[in-house]
PDB file of all heavy atoms in Angstrom:
ATOM      1  N   PRO A   1      97.059 134.040  97.572  1.00  0.00           N
ATOM      2  CA  PRO A   1      96.576 135.155  96.751  1.00  0.00           C
ATOM      3  C   PRO A   1      95.348 135.813  97.363  1.00  0.00           C
ATOM      4  O   PRO A   1      94.587 135.172  98.097  1.00  0.00           O
ATOM      5  CB  PRO A   1      96.223 134.483  95.421  1.00  0.00           C
ATOM      6  CG  PRO A   1      95.819 133.081  95.810  1.00  0.00           C
ATOM      7  CD  PRO A   1      96.733 132.724  96.961  1.00  0.00           C
ATOM      8  N   ASP A   2      95.158 137.089  97.051  1.00  0.00           N
ATOM      9  CA  ASP A   2      93.929 137.791  97.425  1.00  0.00           C
ATOM     10  C   ASP A   2      92.846 137.572  96.368  1.00  0.00           C
ATOM     11  O   ASP A   2      91.653 137.634  96.672  1.00  0.00           O
ATOM     12  CB  ASP A   2      94.183 139.289  97.541  1.00  0.00           C
ATOM     13  CG  ASP A   2      95.169 139.642  98.639  1.00  0.00           C
ATOM     14  OD1 ASP A   2      95.046 139.077  99.739  1.00  0.00           O
ATOM     15  OD2 ASP A   2      96.064 140.469  98.398  1.00  0.00           O
ATOM     16  N   VAL A   3      93.281 137.364  95.126  1.00  0.00           N
ATOM     17  CA  VAL A   3      92.374 137.187  94.000  1.00  0.00           C
ATOM     18  C   VAL A   3      92.991 136.168  93.046  1.00  0.00           C
ATOM     19  O   VAL A   3      94.213 136.111  92.896  1.00  0.00           O
ATOM     20  CB  VAL A   3      92.147 138.516  93.230  1.00  0.00           C
ATOM     21  CG1 VAL A   3      91.165 138.307  92.077  1.00  0.00           C
ATOM     22  CG2 VAL A   3      91.642 139.606  94.156  1.00  0.00           C
ATOM     23  N   VAL A   4      92.140 135.358  92.405  1.00  0.00           N
ATOM     24  CA  VAL A   4      92.591 134.433  91.367  1.00  0.00           C
ATOM     25  C   VAL A   4      92.016 134.897  90.024  1.00  0.00           C
ATOM     26  O   VAL A   4      90.804 135.128  89.919  1.00  0.00           O
ATOM     27  CB  VAL A   4      92.143 132.991  91.657  1.00  0.00           C
ATOM     28  CG1 VAL A   4      92.446 132.084  90.470  1.00  0.00           C
ATOM     29  CG2 VAL A   4      92.829 132.453  92.907  1.00  0.00           C
ATOM     30  N   LEU A   5      92.867 135.046  89.034  1.00  0.00           N
ATOM     31  CA  LEU A   5      92.437 135.351  87.671  1.00  0.00           C
ATOM     32  C   LEU A   5      92.429 134.032  86.894  1.00  0.00           C
ATOM     33  O   LEU A   5      93.482 133.441  86.659  1.00  0.00           O
ATOM     34  CB  LEU A   5      93.369 136.358  87.010  1.00  0.00           C
ATOM     35  CG  LEU A   5      93.080 136.735  85.560  1.00  0.00           C
ATOM     36  CD1 LEU A   5      91.683 137.358  85.434  1.00  0.00           C
ATOM     37  CD2 LEU A   5      94.140 137.675  85.016  1.00  0.00           C
ATOM     38  N   LEU A   6      91.239 133.576  86.540  1.00  0.00           N
ATOM     39  CA  LEU A   6      91.074 132.276  85.878  1.00  0.00           C
ATOM     40  C   LEU A   6      90.829 132.519  84.401  1.00  0.00           C
ATOM     41  O   LEU A   6      89.818 133.097  84.004  1.00  0.00           O
ATOM     42  CB  LEU A   6      89.886 131.536  86.512  1.00  0.00           C
ATOM     43  CG  LEU A   6      89.590 130.119  86.022  1.00  0.00           C
ATOM     44  CD1 LEU A   6      90.798 129.195  86.216  1.00  0.00           C
ATOM     45  CD2 LEU A   6      88.365 129.553  86.747  1.00  0.00           C
ATOM     46  N   VAL A   7      91.805 132.109  83.581  1.00  0.00           N
ATOM     47  CA  VAL A   7      91.726 132.343  82.138  1.00  0.00           C
ATOM     48  C   VAL A   7      91.958 131.026  81.408  1.00  0.00           C
ATOM     49  O   VAL A   7      92.332 130.026  82.006  1.00  0.00           O
ATOM     50  CB  VAL A   7      92.773 133.392  81.697  1.00  0.00           C
ATOM     51  CG1 VAL A   7      92.524 134.727  82.373  1.00  0.00           C
ATOM     52  CG2 VAL A   7      94.204 132.908  82.000  1.00  0.00           C
ATOM     53  N   GLY A   8      91.746 131.066  80.076  1.00  0.00           N
ATOM     54  CA  GLY A   8      92.019 129.880  79.298  1.00  0.00           C
ATOM     55  C   GLY A   8      91.188 129.802  78.034  1.00  0.00           C
ATOM     56  O   GLY A   8      89.978 129.998  78.073  1.00  0.00           O
ATOM     57  N   GLY A   9      91.869 129.549  76.933  1.00  0.00           N
ATOM     58  CA  GLY A   9      91.206 129.372  75.656  1.00  0.00           C
ATOM     59  C   GLY A   9      90.811 130.670  74.999  1.00  0.00           C
ATOM     60  O   GLY A   9      90.394 131.616  75.657  1.00  0.00           O
ATOM     61  N   THR A  10      90.964 130.737  73.675  1.00  0.00           N
ATOM     62  CA  THR A  10      90.430 131.857  72.922  1.00  0.00           C
ATOM     63  C   THR A  10      88.925 131.668  72.796  1.00  0.00           C
ATOM     64  O   THR A  10      88.397 130.579  73.043  1.00  0.00           O
ATOM     65  CB  THR A  10      91.073 131.933  71.528  1.00  0.00           C
ATOM     66  OG1 THR A  10      90.906 130.660  70.876  1.00  0.00           O
ATOM     67  CG2 THR A  10      92.551 132.258  71.622  1.00  0.00           C
ATOM     68  N   ASP A  11      88.206 132.717  72.428  1.00  0.00           N
ATOM     69  CA  ASP A  11      86.756 132.610  72.300  1.00  0.00           C
ATOM     70  C   ASP A  11      86.400 131.590  71.215  1.00  0.00           C
ATOM     71  O   ASP A  11      86.844 131.704  70.061  1.00  0.00           O
ATOM     72  CB  ASP A  11      86.150 133.970  71.951  1.00  0.00           C
ATOM     73  CG  ASP A  11      86.126 134.900  73.145  1.00  0.00           C
ATOM     74  OD1 ASP A  11      86.281 134.405  74.280  1.00  0.00           O
ATOM     75  OD2 ASP A  11      85.952 136.120  72.940  1.00  0.00           O
ATOM     76  N   GLY A  12      85.620 130.573  71.593  1.00  0.00           N
ATOM     77  CA  GLY A  12      85.245 129.519  70.677  1.00  0.00           C
ATOM     78  C   GLY A  12      86.285 128.424  70.548  1.00  0.00           C
ATOM     79  O   GLY A  12      86.076 127.441  69.832  1.00  0.00           O
ATOM     80  N   GLY A  13      87.416 128.567  71.257  1.00  0.00           N
ATOM     81  CA  GLY A  13      88.481 127.550  71.189  1.00  0.00           C
ATOM     82  C   GLY A  13      88.337 126.531  72.309  1.00  0.00           C
ATOM     83  O   GLY A  13      87.229 126.211  72.744  1.00  0.00           O
ATOM     84  N   ASP A  14      89.485 126.055  72.805  1.00  0.00           N
ATOM     85  CA  ASP A  14      89.490 125.028  73.834  1.00  0.00           C
ATOM     86  C   ASP A  14      88.814 125.538  75.109  1.00  0.00           C
ATOM     87  O   ASP A  14      89.087 126.644  75.564  1.00  0.00           O
ATOM     88  CB  ASP A  14      90.933 124.615  74.164  1.00  0.00           C
ATOM     89  CG  ASP A  14      90.983 123.602  75.287  1.00  0.00           C
ATOM     90  OD1 ASP A  14      90.817 122.416  75.020  1.00  0.00           O
ATOM     91  OD2 ASP A  14      91.174 124.031  76.457  1.00  0.00           O
ATOM     92  N   ALA A  15      87.929 124.715  75.666  1.00  0.00           N
ATOM     93  CA  ALA A  15      87.268 125.064  76.925  1.00  0.00           C
ATOM     94  C   ALA A  15      87.469 123.995  77.984  1.00  0.00           C
ATOM     95  O   ALA A  15      87.070 124.176  79.130  1.00  0.00           O
ATOM     96  CB  ALA A  15      85.778 125.289  76.695  1.00  0.00           C
ATOM     97  N   ASP A  16      88.100 122.892  77.621  1.00  0.00           N
ATOM     98  CA  ASP A  16      88.216 121.769  78.549  1.00  0.00           C
ATOM     99  C   ASP A  16      89.057 122.113  79.777  1.00  0.00           C
ATOM    100  O   ASP A  16      88.683 121.806  80.918  1.00  0.00           O
ATOM    101  CB  ASP A  16      88.830 120.552  77.842  1.00  0.00           C
ATOM    102  CG  ASP A  16      87.877 119.933  76.816  1.00  0.00           C
ATOM    103  OD1 ASP A  16      86.671 120.253  76.879  1.00  0.00           O
ATOM    104  OD2 ASP A  16      88.348 119.157  75.960  1.00  0.00           O
ATOM    105  N   THR A  17      90.215 122.759  79.542  1.00  0.00           N
ATOM    106  CA  THR A  17      91.093 123.081  80.678  1.00  0.00           C
ATOM    107  C   THR A  17      90.447 124.100  81.595  1.00  0.00           C
ATOM    108  O   THR A  17      90.511 123.983  82.829  1.00  0.00           O
ATOM    109  CB  THR A  17      92.446 123.598  80.159  1.00  0.00           C
ATOM    110  OG1 THR A  17      93.048 122.593  79.325  1.00  0.00           O
ATOM    111  CG2 THR A  17      93.388 123.908  81.314  1.00  0.00           C
ATOM    112  N   LEU A  18      89.845 125.136  81.015  1.00  0.00           N
ATOM    113  CA  LEU A  18      89.159 126.147  81.813  1.00  0.00           C
ATOM    114  C   LEU A  18      88.036 125.509  82.639  1.00  0.00           C
ATOM    115  O   LEU A  18      87.883 125.808  83.825  1.00  0.00           O
ATOM    116  CB  LEU A  18      88.594 127.236  80.892  1.00  0.00           C
ATOM    117  CG  LEU A  18      87.856 128.401  81.557  1.00  0.00           C
ATOM    118  CD1 LEU A  18      88.804 129.214  82.422  1.00  0.00           C
ATOM    119  CD2 LEU A  18      87.210 129.292  80.495  1.00  0.00           C
ATOM    120  N   THR A  19      87.289 124.628  82.029  1.00  0.00           N
ATOM    121  CA  THR A  19      86.191 123.946  82.728  1.00  0.00           C
ATOM    122  C   THR A  19      86.722 123.077  83.858  1.00  0.00           C
ATOM    123  O   THR A  19      86.177 123.066  84.973  1.00  0.00           O
ATOM    124  CB  THR A  19      85.384 123.087  81.741  1.00  0.00           C
ATOM    125  OG1 THR A  19      84.818 123.943  80.733  1.00  0.00           O
ATOM    126  CG2 THR A  19      84.270 122.332  82.451  1.00  0.00           C
ATOM    127  N   HIS A  20      87.791 122.331  83.575  1.00  0.00           N
ATOM    128  CA  HIS A  20      88.397 121.479  84.603  1.00  0.00           C
ATOM    129  C   HIS A  20      88.846 122.309  85.802  1.00  0.00           C
ATOM    130  O   HIS A  20      88.572 121.945  86.957  1.00  0.00           O
ATOM    131  CB  HIS A  20      89.602 120.724  84.019  1.00  0.00           C
ATOM    132  CG  HIS A  20      90.418 120.016  85.070  1.00  0.00           C
ATOM    133  ND1 HIS A  20      90.155 118.719  85.469  1.00  0.00           N
ATOM    134  CD2 HIS A  20      91.478 120.442  85.813  1.00  0.00           C
ATOM    135  CE1 HIS A  20      91.027 118.362  86.404  1.00  0.00           C
ATOM    136  NE2 HIS A  20      91.834 119.392  86.636  1.00  0.00           N
ATOM    137  N   ASN A  21      89.519 123.440  85.535  1.00  0.00           N
ATOM    138  CA  ASN A  21      90.074 124.243  86.627  1.00  0.00           C
ATOM    139  C   ASN A  21      88.974 124.918  87.450  1.00  0.00           C
ATOM    140  O   ASN A  21      89.069 125.006  88.673  1.00  0.00           O
ATOM    141  CB  ASN A  21      91.050 125.278  86.080  1.00  0.00           C
ATOM    142  CG  ASN A  21      92.317 124.635  85.555  1.00  0.00           C
ATOM    143  OD1 ASN A  21      92.658 123.514  85.946  1.00  0.00           O
ATOM    144  ND2 ASN A  21      93.023 125.313  84.681  1.00  0.00           N
ATOM    145  N   ALA A  22      87.934 125.387  86.786  1.00  0.00           N
ATOM    146  CA  ALA A  22      86.815 125.971  87.521  1.00  0.00           C
ATOM    147  C   ALA A  22      86.135 124.916  88.389  1.00  0.00           C
ATOM    148  O   ALA A  22      85.768 125.163  89.550  1.00  0.00           O
ATOM    149  CB  ALA A  22      85.818 126.589  86.546  1.00  0.00           C
ATOM    150  N   THR A  23      85.966 123.712  87.828  1.00  0.00           N
ATOM    151  CA  THR A  23      85.339 122.621  88.584  1.00  0.00           C
ATOM    152  C   THR A  23      86.196 122.237  89.782  1.00  0.00           C
ATOM    153  O   THR A  23      85.669 121.970  90.883  1.00  0.00           O
ATOM    154  CB  THR A  23      85.139 121.397  87.670  1.00  0.00           C
ATOM    155  OG1 THR A  23      84.344 121.783  86.549  1.00  0.00           O
ATOM    156  CG2 THR A  23      84.462 120.268  88.411  1.00  0.00           C
ATOM    157  N   ARG A  24      87.506 122.233  89.586  1.00  0.00           N
ATOM    158  CA  ARG A  24      88.418 121.878  90.685  1.00  0.00           C
ATOM    159  C   ARG A  24      88.311 122.891  91.825  1.00  0.00           C
ATOM    160  O   ARG A  24      88.283 122.530  92.995  1.00  0.00           O
ATOM    161  CB  ARG A  24      89.854 121.838  90.148  1.00  0.00           C
ATOM    162  CG  ARG A  24      90.872 121.338  91.160  1.00  0.00           C
ATOM    163  CD  ARG A  24      90.873 119.823  91.236  1.00  0.00           C
ATOM    164  NE  ARG A  24      91.599 119.348  92.402  1.00  0.00           N
ATOM    165  CZ  ARG A  24      92.095 118.132  92.507  1.00  0.00           C
ATOM    166  NH1 ARG A  24      91.953 117.278  91.516  1.00  0.00           N
ATOM    167  NH2 ARG A  24      92.734 117.757  93.591  1.00  0.00           N
ATOM    168  N   LEU A  25      88.261 124.172  91.489  1.00  0.00           N
ATOM    169  CA  LEU A  25      88.121 125.201  92.518  1.00  0.00           C
ATOM    170  C   LEU A  25      86.772 125.068  93.240  1.00  0.00           C
ATOM    171  O   LEU A  25      86.698 125.233  94.462  1.00  0.00           O
ATOM    172  CB  LEU A  25      88.252 126.590  91.899  1.00  0.00           C
ATOM    173  CG  LEU A  25      89.634 126.970  91.372  1.00  0.00           C
ATOM    174  CD1 LEU A  25      89.585 128.350  90.706  1.00  0.00           C
ATOM    175  CD2 LEU A  25      90.683 126.960  92.482  1.00  0.00           C
ATOM    176  N   ALA A  26      85.727 124.763  92.492  1.00  0.00           N
ATOM    177  CA  ALA A  26      84.403 124.613  93.093  1.00  0.00           C
ATOM    178  C   ALA A  26      84.388 123.439  94.072  1.00  0.00           C
ATOM    179  O   ALA A  26      83.860 123.557  95.207  1.00  0.00           O
ATOM    180  CB  ALA A  26      83.357 124.404  91.996  1.00  0.00           C
ATOM    181  N   ARG A  27      84.962 122.322  93.686  1.00  0.00           N
ATOM    182  CA  ARG A  27      84.971 121.134  94.555  1.00  0.00           C
ATOM    183  C   ARG A  27      85.896 121.314  95.757  1.00  0.00           C
ATOM    184  O   ARG A  27      85.708 120.663  96.780  1.00  0.00           O
ATOM    185  CB  ARG A  27      85.399 119.915  93.743  1.00  0.00           C
ATOM    186  CG  ARG A  27      84.352 119.478  92.727  1.00  0.00           C
ATOM    187  CD  ARG A  27      84.846 118.313  91.881  1.00  0.00           C
ATOM    188  NE  ARG A  27      83.809 117.843  90.957  1.00  0.00           N
ATOM    189  CZ  ARG A  27      84.013 116.956  90.002  1.00  0.00           C
ATOM    190  NH1 ARG A  27      85.230 116.410  89.842  1.00  0.00           N
ATOM    191  NH2 ARG A  27      83.011 116.598  89.213  1.00  0.00           N
ATOM    192  N   ALA A  28      86.894 122.196  95.630  1.00  0.00           N
ATOM    193  CA  ALA A  28      87.833 122.434  96.723  1.00  0.00           C
ATOM    194  C   ALA A  28      87.296 123.430  97.742  1.00  0.00           C
ATOM    195  O   ALA A  28      87.996 123.788  98.686  1.00  0.00           O
ATOM    196  CB  ALA A  28      89.156 122.943  96.156  1.00  0.00           C
ATOM    197  N   ARG A  29      86.053 123.890  97.526  1.00  0.00           N
ATOM    198  CA  ARG A  29      85.446 124.887  98.413  1.00  0.00           C
ATOM    199  C   ARG A  29      86.331 126.136  98.513  1.00  0.00           C
ATOM    200  O   ARG A  29      86.556 126.677  99.585  1.00  0.00           O
ATOM    201  CB  ARG A  29      85.187 124.290  99.796  1.00  0.00           C
ATOM    202  CG  ARG A  29      84.223 123.108  99.782  1.00  0.00           C
ATOM    203  CD  ARG A  29      83.998 122.548 101.166  1.00  0.00           C
ATOM    204  NE  ARG A  29      83.066 121.415 101.129  1.00  0.00           N
ATOM    205  CZ  ARG A  29      82.714 120.715 102.201  1.00  0.00           C
ATOM    206  NH1 ARG A  29      83.199 121.025 103.385  1.00  0.00           N
ATOM    207  NH2 ARG A  29      81.859 119.713 102.074  1.00  0.00           N
ATOM    208  N   TRP A  30      86.754 126.572  97.370  1.00  0.00           N
ATOM    209  CA  TRP A  30      87.636 127.741  97.289  1.00  0.00           C
ATOM    210  C   TRP A  30      86.864 128.994  97.713  1.00  0.00           C
ATOM    211  O   TRP A  30      85.723 129.212  97.288  1.00  0.00           O
ATOM    212  CB  TRP A  30      88.129 127.878  95.851  1.00  0.00           C
ATOM    213  CG  TRP A  30      89.164 128.945  95.656  1.00  0.00           C
ATOM    214  CD1 TRP A  30      88.974 130.181  95.133  1.00  0.00           C
ATOM    215  CD2 TRP A  30      90.545 128.846  95.972  1.00  0.00           C
ATOM    216  NE1 TRP A  30      90.155 130.874  95.099  1.00  0.00           N
ATOM    217  CE2 TRP A  30      91.140 130.077  95.628  1.00  0.00           C
ATOM    218  CE3 TRP A  30      91.346 127.851  96.522  1.00  0.00           C
ATOM    219  CZ2 TRP A  30      92.494 130.334  95.793  1.00  0.00           C
ATOM    220  CZ3 TRP A  30      92.692 128.104  96.708  1.00  0.00           C
ATOM    221  CH2 TRP A  30      93.260 129.330  96.340  1.00  0.00           C
ATOM    222  N   ARG A  31      87.465 129.817  98.552  1.00  0.00           N
ATOM    223  CA  ARG A  31      86.747 130.986  99.047  1.00  0.00           C
ATOM    224  C   ARG A  31      87.431 132.309  98.701  1.00  0.00           C
ATOM    225  O   ARG A  31      86.916 133.374  99.031  1.00  0.00           O
ATOM    226  CB  ARG A  31      86.554 130.879 100.576  1.00  0.00           C
ATOM    227  CG  ARG A  31      85.612 129.749 100.971  1.00  0.00           C
ATOM    228  CD  ARG A  31      84.210 129.991 100.474  1.00  0.00           C
ATOM    229  NE  ARG A  31      83.289 128.906 100.789  1.00  0.00           N
ATOM    230  CZ  ARG A  31      82.943 127.944  99.931  1.00  0.00           C
ATOM    231  NH1 ARG A  31      83.457 127.936  98.704  1.00  0.00           N
ATOM    232  NH2 ARG A  31      82.123 127.001 100.284  1.00  0.00           N
ATOM    233  N   VAL A  32      88.573 132.255  98.061  1.00  0.00           N
ATOM    234  CA  VAL A  32      89.244 133.473  97.605  1.00  0.00           C
ATOM    235  C   VAL A  32      88.542 133.957  96.336  1.00  0.00           C
ATOM    236  O   VAL A  32      88.213 133.143  95.458  1.00  0.00           O
ATOM    237  CB  VAL A  32      90.736 133.204  97.322  1.00  0.00           C
ATOM    238  CG1 VAL A  32      91.407 134.412  96.677  1.00  0.00           C
ATOM    239  CG2 VAL A  32      91.449 132.832  98.617  1.00  0.00           C
ATOM    240  N   PRO A  33      88.288 135.251  96.196  1.00  0.00           N
ATOM    241  CA  PRO A  33      87.579 135.746  95.008  1.00  0.00           C
ATOM    242  C   PRO A  33      88.258 135.344  93.705  1.00  0.00           C
ATOM    243  O   PRO A  33      89.487 135.344  93.593  1.00  0.00           O
ATOM    244  CB  PRO A  33      87.610 137.272  95.189  1.00  0.00           C
ATOM    245  CG  PRO A  33      87.725 137.466  96.668  1.00  0.00           C
ATOM    246  CD  PRO A  33      88.560 136.329  97.166  1.00  0.00           C
ATOM    247  N   VAL A  34      87.432 135.004  92.713  1.00  0.00           N
ATOM    248  CA  VAL A  34      87.903 134.594  91.385  1.00  0.00           C
ATOM    249  C   VAL A  34      87.361 135.562  90.334  1.00  0.00           C
ATOM    250  O   VAL A  34      86.177 135.913  90.362  1.00  0.00           O
ATOM    251  CB  VAL A  34      87.430 133.156  91.063  1.00  0.00           C
ATOM    252  CG1 VAL A  34      87.727 132.795  89.601  1.00  0.00           C
ATOM    253  CG2 VAL A  34      88.085 132.159  92.009  1.00  0.00           C
ATOM    254  N   VAL A  35      88.241 135.999  89.436  1.00  0.00           N
ATOM    255  CA  VAL A  35      87.814 136.735  88.253  1.00  0.00           C
ATOM    256  C   VAL A  35      87.896 135.775  87.076  1.00  0.00           C
ATOM    257  O   VAL A  35      88.981 135.266  86.753  1.00  0.00           O
ATOM    258  CB  VAL A  35      88.681 137.981  88.010  1.00  0.00           C
ATOM    259  CG1 VAL A  35      88.350 138.609  86.644  1.00  0.00           C
ATOM    260  CG2 VAL A  35      88.469 138.993  89.119  1.00  0.00           C
ATOM    261  N   LEU A  36      86.771 135.483  86.449  1.00  0.00           N
ATOM    262  CA  LEU A  36      86.680 134.526  85.357  1.00  0.00           C
ATOM    263  C   LEU A  36      86.764 135.282  84.037  1.00  0.00           C
ATOM    264  O   LEU A  36      85.866 136.044  83.695  1.00  0.00           O
ATOM    265  CB  LEU A  36      85.361 133.758  85.452  1.00  0.00           C
ATOM    266  CG  LEU A  36      85.030 132.748  84.363  1.00  0.00           C
ATOM    267  CD1 LEU A  36      86.057 131.618  84.324  1.00  0.00           C
ATOM    268  CD2 LEU A  36      83.632 132.184  84.572  1.00  0.00           C
ATOM    269  N   ALA A  37      87.876 135.115  83.311  1.00  0.00           N
ATOM    270  CA  ALA A  37      88.110 135.902  82.097  1.00  0.00           C
ATOM    271  C   ALA A  37      88.668 135.018  80.983  1.00  0.00           C
ATOM    272  O   ALA A  37      89.678 135.332  80.356  1.00  0.00           O
ATOM    273  CB  ALA A  37      89.058 137.061  82.393  1.00  0.00           C
ATOM    274  N   GLY A  38      87.993 133.898  80.735  1.00  0.00           N
ATOM    275  CA  GLY A  38      88.441 132.967  79.705  1.00  0.00           C
ATOM    276  C   GLY A  38      87.433 132.868  78.565  1.00  0.00           C
ATOM    277  O   GLY A  38      86.657 133.777  78.308  1.00  0.00           O
ATOM    278  N   ASN A  39      87.481 131.741  77.874  1.00  0.00           N
ATOM    279  CA  ASN A  39      86.651 131.449  76.700  1.00  0.00           C
ATOM    280  C   ASN A  39      85.192 131.842  76.924  1.00  0.00           C
ATOM    281  O   ASN A  39      84.516 131.327  77.820  1.00  0.00           O
ATOM    282  CB  ASN A  39      86.758 129.953  76.399  1.00  0.00           C
ATOM    283  CG  ASN A  39      86.098 129.562  75.102  1.00  0.00           C
ATOM    284  OD1 ASN A  39      85.218 130.249  74.602  1.00  0.00           O
ATOM    285  ND2 ASN A  39      86.532 128.429  74.551  1.00  0.00           N
TER     286      ASN A  39
END
């Protein structure tokens, strides 16, 4: 991908999956641009 759209959870709802996936990308030294549009 050229861009990753990272979403998950309604506002005030579940945040665990979104947090896990963001953390996974951070630890993987991900360098493709990410748009964060979740909870």
